[in-house]
Every structure is written in structure tokens, then in C-alpha cells.
């Protein structure tokens, strides 16, 4: 993991066990605004702007491992050792990679409208 790489922008609210919200393609942290009002009553919400979205700088290379490592850097910055991770669409793909690449940092994994990969297994 490259410690000098940019850390994604994060919007935090609430108090309690941490829940990271990973948005889908074409949106940013605001995708979870309707749910955040109620969830923040019991949880510490961390809604990121995925690298290259919203207020987050793009990263290079832009691949699943780099995105998972960006999420790990964000958790380090927020002093979160383990978190519940909720990923929607592409955010769910990042969540799955994070859970495998950074074992022990995921308390639970919530996946919405996602899959384990784009395209075919041969890379096309």
C-alpha cells in the first residue's frame, strides 16, 4: 500500500460503530443522504467520494487493489481499525476487494446491486 497516495474525501456524521458507505458509478457521498439521517442516530457514518469522484483526487493506477488500499488509508486517517462496509454497485466491488485484501478490517459486508467483477474472467 502506497502511503503517499491521496486519501479520498470523506463525509462523517453520527456516533457509534463505524459504517463506511461506498457509492456507485456516477454519484458521490450524497447517494446515501436519505439513509444517513436515521443511520447516524446509532452509527458513525463515513461516506467517501471514491477516487476520481466528487472532491476526491483520482489515483493511478485505477484498479481494484488501489481502490481497496485507498479505503484502507481512509480508515487509517479516521482511526478506524474495523468497520461495517456497505457497497452499492461499483462500491460493492471495491468492498469485496477490500475485504479480501485487508482481512480483519471488515466487521460486516453489505452488498447492494453489485457483482464480483465486470466482464469475463479472462479480462475482456
Foldseek 3Di string as FASTA:
>chain_A
DDLPWFAFDKDKAADEAEEEEAEAPPAFQCVCVVVCVVVRPHYIYITTGQDPGDPHPHTPPPDLLVSLVSVVSNCVVVVQQAHAYEAEAVRLLSQVSNCVVPPPRYPHYHYHNYDNDPDDPVPD
